[in-house]
Amino acid sequence: MNELIGKIIHMTNPDSIIKRRIENLIKEYTLDVISSVQPVETPKPKAVTKGGDHESSTKKDIS
């Protein structure tokens, strides 16, 4: 993918503003992918650390 982007940049010979726009698009895409993966991973630790004793003890302390 980086080679393709490099070829596009070389062929179009953009100025630094266009390079920054391309980099920002890549960063946004990467962040979108990461944020779309995180909600899938976050329930896993909750399921693993599902300790009834700890959760019930904190609820008793609050009430």
PDB file of N, CA and C in Angstrom:
ATOM      1  N   MET A   1       0.831  -1.192   0.000  1.00  0.00           N
ATOM      2  CA  MET A   1       0.000   0.000   0.000  1.00  0.00           C
ATOM      3  C   MET A   1       0.874   1.254   0.000  1.00  0.00           C
ATOM      4  N   ASN A   2       1.934   1.245   0.790  1.00  0.00           N
ATOM      5  CA  ASN A   2       2.833   2.396   0.822  1.00  0.00           C
ATOM      6  C   ASN A   2       3.493   2.615  -0.530  1.00  0.00           C
ATOM      7  N   GLU A   3       3.812   1.517  -1.233  1.00  0.00           N
ATOM      8  CA  GLU A   3       4.405   1.656  -2.563  1.00  0.00           C
ATOM      9  C   GLU A   3       3.433   2.332  -3.510  1.00  0.00           C
ATOM     10  N   LEU A   4       2.163   1.947  -3.437  1.00  0.00           N
ATOM     11  CA  LEU A   4       1.146   2.545  -4.293  1.00  0.00           C
ATOM     12  C   LEU A   4       1.012   4.029  -4.005  1.00  0.00           C
ATOM     13  N   ILE A   5       0.985   4.386  -2.734  1.00  0.00           N
ATOM     14  CA  ILE A   5       0.891   5.799  -2.362  1.00  0.00           C
ATOM     15  C   ILE A   5       2.125   6.546  -2.852  1.00  0.00           C
ATOM     16  N   GLY A   6       3.296   5.931  -2.702  1.00  0.00           N
ATOM     17  CA  GLY A   6       4.522   6.556  -3.182  1.00  0.00           C
ATOM     18  C   GLY A   6       4.489   6.783  -4.680  1.00  0.00           C
ATOM     19  N   LYS A   7       3.968   5.812  -5.427  1.00  0.00           N
ATOM     20  CA  LYS A   7       3.860   5.962  -6.883  1.00  0.00           C
ATOM     21  C   LYS A   7       2.892   7.079  -7.239  1.00  0.00           C
ATOM     22  N   ILE A   8       1.778   7.139  -6.517  1.00  0.00           N
ATOM     23  CA  ILE A   8       0.799   8.201  -6.789  1.00  0.00           C
ATOM     24  C   ILE A   8       1.424   9.563  -6.517  1.00  0.00           C
ATOM     25  N   ILE A   9       2.126   9.678  -5.403  1.00  0.00           N
ATOM     26  CA  ILE A   9       2.776  10.946  -5.063  1.00  0.00           C
ATOM     27  C   ILE A   9       3.824  11.293  -6.114  1.00  0.00           C
ATOM     28  N   HIS A  10       4.598  10.305  -6.551  1.00  0.00           N
ATOM     29  CA  HIS A  10       5.643  10.548  -7.545  1.00  0.00           C
ATOM     30  C   HIS A  10       5.028  10.962  -8.878  1.00  0.00           C
ATOM     31  N   MET A  11       3.949  10.304  -9.285  1.00  0.00           N
ATOM     32  CA  MET A  11       3.328  10.600 -10.576  1.00  0.00           C
ATOM     33  C   MET A  11       2.670  11.973 -10.577  1.00  0.00           C
ATOM     34  N   THR A  12       2.029  12.340  -9.489  1.00  0.00           N
ATOM     35  CA  THR A  12       1.305  13.607  -9.462  1.00  0.00           C
ATOM     36  C   THR A  12       2.191  14.764  -9.021  1.00  0.00           C
ATOM     37  N   ASN A  13       3.312  14.450  -8.345  1.00  0.00           N
ATOM     38  CA  ASN A  13       4.252  15.462  -7.862  1.00  0.00           C
ATOM     39  C   ASN A  13       3.527  16.565  -7.085  1.00  0.00           C
ATOM     40  N   PRO A  14       2.840  16.206  -5.991  1.00  0.00           N
ATOM     41  CA  PRO A  14       2.059  17.201  -5.253  1.00  0.00           C
ATOM     42  C   PRO A  14       2.933  18.073  -4.364  1.00  0.00           C
ATOM     43  N   ASP A  15       2.369  19.187  -3.964  1.00  0.00           N
ATOM     44  CA  ASP A  15       3.084  20.026  -3.006  1.00  0.00           C
ATOM     45  C   ASP A  15       2.851  19.486  -1.599  1.00  0.00           C
ATOM     46  N   SER A  16       3.442  20.126  -0.619  1.00  0.00           N
ATOM     47  CA  SER A  16       3.392  19.598   0.747  1.00  0.00           C
ATOM     48  C   SER A  16       1.970  19.580   1.309  1.00  0.00           C
ATOM     49  N   ILE A  17       1.109  20.481   0.845  1.00  0.00           N
ATOM     50  CA  ILE A  17      -0.271  20.503   1.350  1.00  0.00           C
ATOM     51  C   ILE A  17      -0.989  19.222   0.951  1.00  0.00           C
ATOM     52  N   ILE A  18      -0.826  18.790  -0.288  1.00  0.00           N
ATOM     53  CA  ILE A  18      -1.484  17.562  -0.747  1.00  0.00           C
ATOM     54  C   ILE A  18      -0.883  16.359  -0.033  1.00  0.00           C
ATOM     55  N   LYS A  19       0.425  16.369   0.183  1.00  0.00           N
ATOM     56  CA  LYS A  19       1.048  15.269   0.928  1.00  0.00           C
ATOM     57  C   LYS A  19       0.447  15.175   2.323  1.00  0.00           C
ATOM     58  N   ARG A  20       0.271  16.328   2.972  1.00  0.00           N
ATOM     59  CA  ARG A  20      -0.317  16.326   4.307  1.00  0.00           C
ATOM     60  C   ARG A  20      -1.751  15.810   4.277  1.00  0.00           C
ATOM     61  N   ARG A  21      -2.491  16.171   3.232  1.00  0.00           N
ATOM     62  CA  ARG A  21      -3.873  15.684   3.119  1.00  0.00           C
ATOM     63  C   ARG A  21      -3.891  14.169   2.982  1.00  0.00           C
ATOM     64  N   ILE A  22      -2.988  13.624   2.180  1.00  0.00           N
ATOM     65  CA  ILE A  22      -2.919  12.169   2.013  1.00  0.00           C
ATOM     66  C   ILE A  22      -2.556  11.520   3.344  1.00  0.00           C
ATOM     67  N   GLU A  23      -1.572  12.069   4.051  1.00  0.00           N
ATOM     68  CA  GLU A  23      -1.182  11.515   5.349  1.00  0.00           C
ATOM     69  C   GLU A  23      -2.341  11.580   6.340  1.00  0.00           C
ATOM     70  N   ASN A  24      -3.076  12.690   6.333  1.00  0.00           N
ATOM     71  CA  ASN A  24      -4.219  12.820   7.242  1.00  0.00           C
ATOM     72  C   ASN A  24      -5.311  11.813   6.909  1.00  0.00           C
ATOM     73  N   LEU A  25      -5.538  11.577   5.608  1.00  0.00           N
ATOM     74  CA  LEU A  25      -6.537  10.577   5.225  1.00  0.00           C
ATOM     75  C   LEU A  25      -6.128   9.197   5.712  1.00  0.00           C
ATOM     76  N   ILE A  26      -4.837   8.884   5.595  1.00  0.00           N
ATOM     77  CA  ILE A  26      -4.352   7.582   6.066  1.00  0.00           C
ATOM     78  C   ILE A  26      -4.533   7.485   7.579  1.00  0.00           C
ATOM     79  N   LYS A  27      -4.193   8.551   8.305  1.00  0.00           N
ATOM     80  CA  LYS A  27      -4.353   8.545   9.762  1.00  0.00           C
ATOM     81  C   LYS A  27      -5.818   8.390  10.148  1.00  0.00           C
ATOM     82  N   GLU A  28      -6.714   9.121   9.451  1.00  0.00           N
ATOM     83  CA  GLU A  28      -8.142   9.016   9.754  1.00  0.00           C
ATOM     84  C   GLU A  28      -8.633   7.602   9.500  1.00  0.00           C
ATOM     85  N   TYR A  29      -8.199   7.017   8.382  1.00  0.00           N
ATOM     86  CA  TYR A  29      -8.618   5.647   8.065  1.00  0.00           C
ATOM     87  C   TYR A  29      -8.116   4.685   9.134  1.00  0.00           C
ATOM     88  N   THR A  30      -6.860   4.867   9.547  1.00  0.00           N
ATOM     89  CA  THR A  30      -6.288   3.999  10.577  1.00  0.00           C
ATOM     90  C   THR A  30      -7.059   4.146  11.884  1.00  0.00           C
ATOM     91  N   LEU A  31      -7.375   5.382  12.271  1.00  0.00           N
ATOM     92  CA  LEU A  31      -8.133   5.600  13.504  1.00  0.00           C
ATOM     93  C   LEU A  31      -9.533   5.010  13.398  1.00  0.00           C
ATOM     94  N   ASP A  32     -10.151   5.106  12.201  1.00  0.00           N
ATOM     95  CA  ASP A  32     -11.477   4.511  12.016  1.00  0.00           C
ATOM     96  C   ASP A  32     -11.415   3.008  12.200  1.00  0.00           C
ATOM     97  N   VAL A  33     -10.367   2.388  11.650  1.00  0.00           N
ATOM     98  CA  VAL A  33     -10.226   0.939  11.784  1.00  0.00           C
ATOM     99  C   VAL A  33     -10.014   0.574  13.245  1.00  0.00           C
ATOM    100  N   ILE A  34      -9.146   1.325  13.929  1.00  0.00           N
ATOM    101  CA  ILE A  34      -8.870   1.035  15.340  1.00  0.00           C
ATOM    102  C   ILE A  34     -10.139   1.216  16.170  1.00  0.00           C
ATOM    103  N   SER A  35     -10.865   2.297  15.945  1.00  0.00           N
ATOM    104  CA  SER A  35     -12.071   2.542  16.742  1.00  0.00           C
ATOM    105  C   SER A  35     -13.164   1.530  16.437  1.00  0.00           C
ATOM    106  N   SER A  36     -13.174   0.992  15.225  1.00  0.00           N
ATOM    107  CA  SER A  36     -14.185  -0.023  14.909  1.00  0.00           C
ATOM    108  C   SER A  36     -13.816  -1.366  15.525  1.00  0.00           C
ATOM    109  N   VAL A  37     -12.542  -1.569  15.834  1.00  0.00           N
ATOM    110  CA  VAL A  37     -12.109  -2.833  16.440  1.00  0.00           C
ATOM    111  C   VAL A  37     -12.263  -2.773  17.954  1.00  0.00           C
ATOM    112  N   GLN A  38     -12.037  -1.642  18.568  1.00  0.00           N
ATOM    113  CA  GLN A  38     -12.062  -1.520  20.025  1.00  0.00           C
ATOM    114  C   GLN A  38     -13.375  -1.967  20.661  1.00  0.00           C
ATOM    115  N   PRO A  39     -14.544  -1.586  20.144  1.00  0.00           N
ATOM    116  CA  PRO A  39     -15.770  -2.054  20.798  1.00  0.00           C
ATOM    117  C   PRO A  39     -15.900  -3.575  20.812  1.00  0.00           C
ATOM    118  N   VAL A  40     -15.292  -4.240  19.854  1.00  0.00           N
ATOM    119  CA  VAL A  40     -15.340  -5.699  19.819  1.00  0.00           C
ATOM    120  C   VAL A  40     -14.438  -6.270  20.905  1.00  0.00           C
ATOM    121  N   GLU A  41     -13.309  -5.626  21.163  1.00  0.00           N
ATOM    122  CA  GLU A  41     -12.349  -6.150  22.129  1.00  0.00           C
ATOM    123  C   GLU A  41     -12.716  -5.777  23.568  1.00  0.00           C
ATOM    124  N   THR A  42     -13.388  -4.668  23.795  1.00  0.00           N
ATOM    125  CA  THR A  42     -13.644  -4.234  25.165  1.00  0.00           C
ATOM    126  C   THR A  42     -14.529  -5.185  25.956  1.00  0.00           C
ATOM    127  N   PRO A  43     -15.525  -5.858  25.375  1.00  0.00           N
ATOM    128  CA  PRO A  43     -16.302  -6.783  26.206  1.00  0.00           C
ATOM    129  C   PRO A  43     -15.505  -7.995  26.684  1.00  0.00           C
ATOM    130  N   LYS A  44     -14.436  -8.365  25.979  1.00  0.00           N
ATOM    131  CA  LYS A  44     -13.676  -9.561  26.346  1.00  0.00           C
ATOM    132  C   LYS A  44     -13.107  -9.470  27.764  1.00  0.00           C
ATOM    133  N   PRO A  45     -12.413  -8.379  28.141  1.00  0.00           N
ATOM    134  CA  PRO A  45     -11.911  -8.323  29.518  1.00  0.00           C
ATOM    135  C   PRO A  45     -13.044  -8.351  30.542  1.00  0.00           C
ATOM    136  N   LYS A  46     -14.183  -7.767  30.235  1.00  0.00           N
ATOM    137  CA  LYS A  46     -15.308  -7.782  31.166  1.00  0.00           C
ATOM    138  C   LYS A  46     -15.780  -9.213  31.387  1.00  0.00           C
ATOM    139  N   ALA A  47     -15.792  -9.994  30.302  1.00  0.00           N
ATOM    140  CA  ALA A  47     -16.240 -11.377  30.426  1.00  0.00           C
ATOM    141  C   ALA A  47     -15.222 -12.191  31.221  1.00  0.00           C
ATOM    142  N   VAL A  48     -13.933 -11.894  31.010  1.00  0.00           N
ATOM    143  CA  VAL A  48     -12.887 -12.646  31.699  1.00  0.00           C
ATOM    144  C   VAL A  48     -12.850 -12.270  33.177  1.00  0.00           C
ATOM    145  N   THR A  49     -12.970 -10.981  33.478  1.00  0.00           N
ATOM    146  CA  THR A  49     -12.867 -10.512  34.862  1.00  0.00           C
ATOM    147  C   THR A  49     -14.238 -10.445  35.527  1.00  0.00           C
ATOM    148  N   LYS A  50     -15.172 -11.196  35.024  1.00  0.00           N
ATOM    149  CA  LYS A  50     -16.531 -11.170  35.570  1.00  0.00           C
ATOM    150  C   LYS A  50     -16.529 -11.850  36.931  1.00  0.00           C
ATOM    151  N   GLY A  51     -16.171 -11.098  37.948  1.00  0.00           N
ATOM    152  CA  GLY A  51     -16.132 -11.645  39.300  1.00  0.00           C
ATOM    153  C   GLY A  51     -17.319 -11.140  40.086  1.00  0.00           C
ATOM    154  N   GLY A  52     -18.246 -12.012  40.391  1.00  0.00           N
ATOM    155  CA  GLY A  52     -19.454 -11.612  41.102  1.00  0.00           C
ATOM    156  C   GLY A  52     -19.146 -11.040  42.472  1.00  0.00           C
ATOM    157  N   ASP A  53     -18.128 -11.588  43.147  1.00  0.00           N
ATOM    158  CA  ASP A  53     -17.811 -11.124  44.499  1.00  0.00           C
ATOM    159  C   ASP A  53     -17.360  -9.675  44.492  1.00  0.00           C
ATOM    160  N   HIS A  54     -16.458  -9.347  43.563  1.00  0.00           N
ATOM    161  CA  HIS A  54     -15.934  -7.986  43.522  1.00  0.00           C
ATOM    162  C   HIS A  54     -17.037  -6.998  43.148  1.00  0.00           C
ATOM    163  N   GLU A  55     -17.810  -7.346  42.122  1.00  0.00           N
ATOM    164  CA  GLU A  55     -18.857  -6.432  41.676  1.00  0.00           C
ATOM    165  C   GLU A  55     -19.917  -6.252  42.756  1.00  0.00           C
ATOM    166  N   SER A  56     -20.306  -7.336  43.424  1.00  0.00           N
ATOM    167  CA  SER A  56     -21.343  -7.218  44.444  1.00  0.00           C
ATOM    168  C   SER A  56     -20.821  -6.447  45.657  1.00  0.00           C
ATOM    169  N   SER A  57     -19.529  -6.592  45.969  1.00  0.00           N
ATOM    170  CA  SER A  57     -18.988  -5.876  47.121  1.00  0.00           C
ATOM    171  C   SER A  57     -18.944  -4.379  46.841  1.00  0.00           C
ATOM    172  N   THR A  58     -18.632  -3.981  45.597  1.00  0.00           N
ATOM    173  CA  THR A  58     -18.616  -2.555  45.283  1.00  0.00           C
ATOM    174  C   THR A  58     -20.030  -2.001  45.289  1.00  0.00           C
ATOM    175  N   LYS A  59     -20.990  -2.790  44.856  1.00  0.00           N
ATOM    176  CA  LYS A  59     -22.376  -2.323  44.881  1.00  0.00           C
ATOM    177  C   LYS A  59     -22.856  -2.147  46.322  1.00  0.00           C
ATOM    178  N   LYS A  60     -22.443  -3.031  47.217  1.00  0.00           N
ATOM    179  CA  LYS A  60     -22.848  -2.911  48.614  1.00  0.00           C
ATOM    180  C   LYS A  60     -22.241  -1.660  49.243  1.00  0.00           C
ATOM    181  N   ASP A  61     -20.981  -1.342  48.854  1.00  0.00           N
ATOM    182  CA  ASP A  61     -20.331  -0.169  49.415  1.00  0.00           C
ATOM    183  C   ASP A  61     -21.049   1.106  48.994  1.00  0.00           C
ATOM    184  N   ILE A  62     -21.533   1.130  47.756  1.00  0.00           N
ATOM    185  CA  ILE A  62     -22.184   2.333  47.237  1.00  0.00           C
ATOM    186  C   ILE A  62     -23.535   2.539  47.914  1.00  0.00           C
ATOM    187  N   SER A  63     -24.289   1.466  48.120  1.00  0.00           N
ATOM    188  CA  SER A  63     -25.653   1.599  48.659  1.00  0.00           C
ATOM    189  C   SER A  63     -25.694   1.721  50.164  1.00  0.00           C
TER     190      SER A  63
END
